[in-house]
PDB file of all heavy atoms in Angstrom:
ATOM      1  N   GLY A   1      19.676  91.243   3.548  1.00  0.00           N
ATOM      2  CA  GLY A   1      19.597  92.213   4.686  1.00  0.00           C
ATOM      3  C   GLY A   1      19.456  91.644   6.053  1.00  0.00           C
ATOM      4  O   GLY A   1      19.347  92.359   7.045  1.00  0.00           O
ATOM      5  N   CYS A   2      19.550  90.311   6.051  1.00  0.00           N
ATOM      6  CA  CYS A   2      19.527  89.641   7.359  1.00  0.00           C
ATOM      7  C   CYS A   2      20.877  89.565   7.975  1.00  0.00           C
ATOM      8  O   CYS A   2      21.829  89.201   7.279  1.00  0.00           O
ATOM      9  CB  CYS A   2      18.870  88.184   7.145  1.00  0.00           C
ATOM     10  SG  CYS A   2      18.631  87.336   8.689  1.00  0.00           S
ATOM     11  N   ARG A   3      20.868  89.807   9.250  1.00  0.00           N
ATOM     12  CA  ARG A   3      22.175  89.746  10.005  1.00  0.00           C
ATOM     13  C   ARG A   3      22.553  88.354  10.187  1.00  0.00           C
ATOM     14  O   ARG A   3      21.775  87.559  10.706  1.00  0.00           O
ATOM     15  CB  ARG A   3      22.013  90.485  11.318  1.00  0.00           C
ATOM     16  CG  ARG A   3      23.223  90.337  12.271  1.00  0.00           C
ATOM     17  CD  ARG A   3      22.892  91.000  13.602  1.00  0.00           C
ATOM     18  NE  ARG A   3      23.976  90.773  14.584  1.00  0.00           N
ATOM     19  CZ  ARG A   3      23.745  90.954  15.867  1.00  0.00           C
ATOM     20  NH1 ARG A   3      22.565  91.496  16.356  1.00  0.00           N
ATOM     21  NH2 ARG A   3      24.718  90.777  16.728  1.00  0.00           N
ATOM     22  N   ILE A   4      23.778  87.919   9.769  1.00  0.00           N
ATOM     23  CA  ILE A   4      24.275  86.655  10.072  1.00  0.00           C
ATOM     24  C   ILE A   4      24.842  86.644  11.496  1.00  0.00           C
ATOM     25  O   ILE A   4      25.929  87.227  11.721  1.00  0.00           O
ATOM     26  CB  ILE A   4      25.331  86.246   9.004  1.00  0.00           C
ATOM     27  CG1 ILE A   4      24.698  86.254   7.545  1.00  0.00           C
ATOM     28  CG2 ILE A   4      25.801  84.785   9.266  1.00  0.00           C
ATOM     29  CD1 ILE A   4      25.624  86.014   6.495  1.00  0.00           C
ATOM     30  N   LEU A   5      24.269  85.793  12.311  1.00  0.00           N
ATOM     31  CA  LEU A   5      24.756  85.752  13.690  1.00  0.00           C
ATOM     32  C   LEU A   5      26.014  84.855  13.906  1.00  0.00           C
ATOM     33  O   LEU A   5      26.814  85.124  14.690  1.00  0.00           O
ATOM     34  CB  LEU A   5      23.633  85.211  14.603  1.00  0.00           C
ATOM     35  CG  LEU A   5      22.307  86.002  14.532  1.00  0.00           C
ATOM     36  CD1 LEU A   5      21.296  85.413  15.473  1.00  0.00           C
ATOM     37  CD2 LEU A   5      22.523  87.527  15.052  1.00  0.00           C
ATOM     38  N   GLY A   6      26.145  83.923  12.978  1.00  0.00           N
ATOM     39  CA  GLY A   6      27.244  82.990  13.046  1.00  0.00           C
ATOM     40  C   GLY A   6      26.970  81.762  12.252  1.00  0.00           C
ATOM     41  O   GLY A   6      26.028  81.601  11.510  1.00  0.00           O
ATOM     42  N   ALA A   7      27.905  80.774  12.437  1.00  0.00           N
ATOM     43  CA  ALA A   7      27.821  79.570  11.760  1.00  0.00           C
ATOM     44  C   ALA A   7      28.056  78.443  12.742  1.00  0.00           C
ATOM     45  O   ALA A   7      28.850  78.510  13.630  1.00  0.00           O
ATOM     46  CB  ALA A   7      28.943  79.422  10.621  1.00  0.00           C
ATOM     47  N   VAL A   8      27.354  77.337  12.452  1.00  0.00           N
ATOM     48  CA  VAL A   8      27.592  76.072  13.248  1.00  0.00           C
ATOM     49  C   VAL A   8      28.252  75.016  12.327  1.00  0.00           C
ATOM     50  O   VAL A   8      27.816  74.728  11.262  1.00  0.00           O
ATOM     51  CB  VAL A   8      26.215  75.539  13.632  1.00  0.00           C
ATOM     52  CG1 VAL A   8      26.393  74.084  14.322  1.00  0.00           C
ATOM     53  CG2 VAL A   8      25.527  76.447  14.614  1.00  0.00           C
ATOM     54  N   LEU A   9      29.512  74.644  12.737  1.00  0.00           N
ATOM     55  CA  LEU A   9      30.175  73.553  12.016  1.00  0.00           C
ATOM     56  C   LEU A   9      29.712  72.246  12.607  1.00  0.00           C
ATOM     57  O   LEU A   9      30.009  71.940  13.807  1.00  0.00           O
ATOM     58  CB  LEU A   9      31.726  73.773  12.197  1.00  0.00           C
ATOM     59  CG  LEU A   9      32.576  72.828  11.395  1.00  0.00           C
ATOM     60  CD1 LEU A   9      32.299  72.905   9.946  1.00  0.00           C
ATOM     61  CD2 LEU A   9      33.995  73.059  11.791  1.00  0.00           C
ATOM     62  N   ASN A  10      29.116  71.447  11.775  1.00  0.00           N
ATOM     63  CA  ASN A  10      28.405  70.234  12.188  1.00  0.00           C
ATOM     64  C   ASN A  10      29.016  68.975  11.651  1.00  0.00           C
ATOM     65  O   ASN A  10      29.834  69.047  10.616  1.00  0.00           O
ATOM     66  CB  ASN A  10      26.949  70.290  11.762  1.00  0.00           C
ATOM     67  CG  ASN A  10      26.094  69.472  12.639  1.00  0.00           C
ATOM     68  OD1 ASN A  10      26.376  69.207  13.805  1.00  0.00           O
ATOM     69  ND2 ASN A  10      24.975  69.051  12.139  1.00  0.00           N
ATOM     70  N   MET A  11      28.781  67.874  12.223  1.00  0.00           N
ATOM     71  CA  MET A  11      29.262  66.491  11.743  1.00  0.00           C
ATOM     72  C   MET A  11      30.731  66.405  11.643  1.00  0.00           C
ATOM     73  O   MET A  11      31.310  65.982  10.672  1.00  0.00           O
ATOM     74  CB  MET A  11      28.622  66.265  10.278  1.00  0.00           C
ATOM     75  CG  MET A  11      27.106  66.207  10.392  1.00  0.00           C
ATOM     76  SD  MET A  11      26.383  65.819   8.737  1.00  0.00           S
ATOM     77  CE  MET A  11      24.648  65.724   9.183  1.00  0.00           C
ATOM     78  N   ILE A  12      31.424  66.906  12.694  1.00  0.00           N
ATOM     79  CA  ILE A  12      32.926  66.759  12.725  1.00  0.00           C
ATOM     80  C   ILE A  12      33.310  65.388  13.112  1.00  0.00           C
ATOM     81  O   ILE A  12      32.657  64.687  13.923  1.00  0.00           O
ATOM     82  CB  ILE A  12      33.383  67.772  13.741  1.00  0.00           C
ATOM     83  CG1 ILE A  12      33.363  69.196  13.184  1.00  0.00           C
ATOM     84  CG2 ILE A  12      34.855  67.430  14.169  1.00  0.00           C
ATOM     85  CD1 ILE A  12      33.911  70.236  14.164  1.00  0.00           C
ATOM     86  N   GLN A  13      34.292  64.857  12.491  1.00  0.00           N
ATOM     87  CA  GLN A  13      34.889  63.595  12.827  1.00  0.00           C
ATOM     88  C   GLN A  13      36.283  63.814  13.185  1.00  0.00           C
ATOM     89  O   GLN A  13      37.111  64.294  12.447  1.00  0.00           O
ATOM     90  CB  GLN A  13      34.820  62.669  11.625  1.00  0.00           C
ATOM     91  CG  GLN A  13      33.453  62.144  11.232  1.00  0.00           C
ATOM     92  CD  GLN A  13      33.339  61.243  10.048  1.00  0.00           C
ATOM     93  OE1 GLN A  13      33.657  61.644   8.955  1.00  0.00           O
ATOM     94  NE2 GLN A  13      33.162  59.978  10.380  1.00  0.00           N
ATOM     95  N   SER A  14      36.649  63.535  14.438  1.00  0.00           N
ATOM     96  CA  SER A  14      37.971  63.708  14.934  1.00  0.00           C
ATOM     97  C   SER A  14      38.479  62.337  15.526  1.00  0.00           C
ATOM     98  O   SER A  14      37.769  61.334  15.529  1.00  0.00           O
ATOM     99  CB  SER A  14      37.987  64.721  16.018  1.00  0.00           C
ATOM    100  OG  SER A  14      37.490  65.988  15.618  1.00  0.00           O
ATOM    101  N   THR A  15      39.768  62.343  15.908  1.00  0.00           N
ATOM    102  CA  THR A  15      40.371  61.105  16.370  1.00  0.00           C
ATOM    103  C   THR A  15      39.787  60.699  17.757  1.00  0.00           C
ATOM    104  O   THR A  15      39.748  61.629  18.631  1.00  0.00           O
ATOM    105  CB  THR A  15      41.800  61.315  16.504  1.00  0.00           C
ATOM    106  OG1 THR A  15      42.352  61.749  15.229  1.00  0.00           O
ATOM    107  CG2 THR A  15      42.515  59.984  16.907  1.00  0.00           C
ATOM    108  N   LYS A  16      39.490  59.455  17.996  1.00  0.00           N
ATOM    109  CA  LYS A  16      38.934  59.167  19.275  1.00  0.00           C
ATOM    110  C   LYS A  16      40.059  59.361  20.331  1.00  0.00           C
ATOM    111  O   LYS A  16      41.237  59.096  20.090  1.00  0.00           O
ATOM    112  CB  LYS A  16      38.618  57.584  19.270  1.00  0.00           C
ATOM    113  CG  LYS A  16      37.311  57.305  19.864  1.00  0.00           C
ATOM    114  CD  LYS A  16      36.896  55.848  19.645  1.00  0.00           C
ATOM    115  CE  LYS A  16      35.453  55.627  19.815  1.00  0.00           C
ATOM    116  NZ  LYS A  16      35.021  54.275  19.640  1.00  0.00           N
ATOM    117  N   GLY A  17      39.640  59.781  21.472  1.00  0.00           N
ATOM    118  CA  GLY A  17      40.567  60.072  22.521  1.00  0.00           C
ATOM    119  C   GLY A  17      40.976  61.587  22.543  1.00  0.00           C
ATOM    120  O   GLY A  17      41.509  62.083  23.549  1.00  0.00           O
ATOM    121  N   SER A  18      40.754  62.244  21.521  1.00  0.00           N
ATOM    122  CA  SER A  18      41.029  63.707  21.384  1.00  0.00           C
ATOM    123  C   SER A  18      40.121  64.438  22.261  1.00  0.00           C
ATOM    124  O   SER A  18      38.929  64.059  22.537  1.00  0.00           O
ATOM    125  CB  SER A  18      40.884  64.240  19.979  1.00  0.00           C
ATOM    126  OG  SER A  18      40.811  65.544  19.956  1.00  0.00           O
ATOM    127  N   TYR A  19      40.488  65.585  22.901  1.00  0.00           N
ATOM    128  CA  TYR A  19      39.724  66.419  23.709  1.00  0.00           C
ATOM    129  C   TYR A  19      38.437  66.857  22.955  1.00  0.00           C
ATOM    130  O   TYR A  19      37.321  67.027  23.536  1.00  0.00           O
ATOM    131  CB  TYR A  19      40.448  67.632  24.127  1.00  0.00           C
ATOM    132  CG  TYR A  19      39.640  68.607  25.046  1.00  0.00           C
ATOM    133  CD1 TYR A  19      39.355  68.256  26.355  1.00  0.00           C
ATOM    134  CD2 TYR A  19      39.118  69.778  24.457  1.00  0.00           C
ATOM    135  CE1 TYR A  19      38.748  69.181  27.169  1.00  0.00           C
ATOM    136  CE2 TYR A  19      38.367  70.623  25.296  1.00  0.00           C
ATOM    137  CZ  TYR A  19      38.150  70.318  26.600  1.00  0.00           C
ATOM    138  OH  TYR A  19      37.412  71.109  27.375  1.00  0.00           O
ATOM    139  N   TYR A  20      38.529  67.042  21.572  1.00  0.00           N
ATOM    140  CA  TYR A  20      37.455  67.526  20.850  1.00  0.00           C
ATOM    141  C   TYR A  20      36.826  66.395  20.055  1.00  0.00           C
ATOM    142  O   TYR A  20      36.130  66.622  19.072  1.00  0.00           O
ATOM    143  CB  TYR A  20      37.963  68.634  19.871  1.00  0.00           C
ATOM    144  CG  TYR A  20      38.327  69.837  20.671  1.00  0.00           C
ATOM    145  CD1 TYR A  20      39.569  70.386  20.604  1.00  0.00           C
ATOM    146  CD2 TYR A  20      37.355  70.586  21.378  1.00  0.00           C
ATOM    147  CE1 TYR A  20      39.973  71.610  21.224  1.00  0.00           C
ATOM    148  CE2 TYR A  20      37.671  71.696  22.060  1.00  0.00           C
ATOM    149  CZ  TYR A  20      38.886  72.202  22.016  1.00  0.00           C
ATOM    150  OH  TYR A  20      39.230  73.398  22.649  1.00  0.00           O
ATOM    151  N   TYR A  21      36.940  65.125  20.462  1.00  0.00           N
ATOM    152  CA  TYR A  21      36.416  64.068  19.650  1.00  0.00           C
ATOM    153  C   TYR A  21      34.870  64.142  19.663  1.00  0.00           C
ATOM    154  O   TYR A  21      34.221  64.262  20.718  1.00  0.00           O
ATOM    155  CB  TYR A  21      36.827  62.733  20.289  1.00  0.00           C
ATOM    156  CG  TYR A  21      35.993  61.536  19.684  1.00  0.00           C
ATOM    157  CD1 TYR A  21      36.284  61.147  18.393  1.00  0.00           C
ATOM    158  CD2 TYR A  21      35.084  60.916  20.460  1.00  0.00           C
ATOM    159  CE1 TYR A  21      35.534  60.155  17.851  1.00  0.00           C
ATOM    160  CE2 TYR A  21      34.303  59.924  19.875  1.00  0.00           C
ATOM    161  CZ  TYR A  21      34.622  59.443  18.570  1.00  0.00           C
ATOM    162  OH  TYR A  21      33.861  58.457  18.017  1.00  0.00           O
ATOM    163  N   ARG A  22      34.270  63.938  18.538  1.00  0.00           N
ATOM    164  CA  ARG A  22      32.763  63.807  18.357  1.00  0.00           C
ATOM    165  C   ARG A  22      32.532  62.774  17.358  1.00  0.00           C
ATOM    166  O   ARG A  22      33.206  62.606  16.405  1.00  0.00           O
ATOM    167  CB  ARG A  22      32.177  65.200  17.945  1.00  0.00           C
ATOM    168  CG  ARG A  22      32.454  66.259  18.781  1.00  0.00           C
ATOM    169  CD  ARG A  22      31.807  66.188  20.164  1.00  0.00           C
ATOM    170  NE  ARG A  22      32.164  67.344  20.979  1.00  0.00           N
ATOM    171  CZ  ARG A  22      33.249  67.364  21.710  1.00  0.00           C
ATOM    172  NH1 ARG A  22      34.017  66.389  21.788  1.00  0.00           N
ATOM    173  NH2 ARG A  22      33.501  68.492  22.441  1.00  0.00           N
ATOM    174  N   SER A  23      31.436  62.093  17.536  1.00  0.00           N
ATOM    175  CA  SER A  23      31.030  61.027  16.529  1.00  0.00           C
ATOM    176  C   SER A  23      30.353  61.691  15.446  1.00  0.00           C
ATOM    177  O   SER A  23      29.884  62.853  15.444  1.00  0.00           O
ATOM    178  CB  SER A  23      30.105  59.995  17.220  1.00  0.00           C
ATOM    179  OG  SER A  23      28.936  60.675  17.646  1.00  0.00           O
ATOM    180  N   LYS A  24      30.208  61.008  14.289  1.00  0.00           N
ATOM    181  CA  LYS A  24      29.546  61.599  13.065  1.00  0.00           C
ATOM    182  C   LYS A  24      28.118  61.893  13.414  1.00  0.00           C
ATOM    183  O   LYS A  24      27.421  61.081  14.081  1.00  0.00           O
ATOM    184  CB  LYS A  24      29.571  60.507  12.000  1.00  0.00           C
ATOM    185  CG  LYS A  24      29.089  61.098  10.717  1.00  0.00           C
ATOM    186  CD  LYS A  24      29.171  60.033   9.592  1.00  0.00           C
ATOM    187  CE  LYS A  24      28.545  60.671   8.240  1.00  0.00           C
ATOM    188  NZ  LYS A  24      28.756  59.681   7.147  1.00  0.00           N
ATOM    189  N   GLY A  25      27.727  62.989  13.012  1.00  0.00           N
ATOM    190  CA  GLY A  25      26.288  63.387  13.194  1.00  0.00           C
ATOM    191  C   GLY A  25      26.075  64.286  14.413  1.00  0.00           C
ATOM    192  O   GLY A  25      25.004  64.821  14.667  1.00  0.00           O
TER     193      GLY A  25
END
């Protein structure tokens, strides 16, 4: 019965230099 506000997608690994690049963790 709890409202799900949303989800956090965590620990993304992307290509270095990409606009959305993030390190692990």
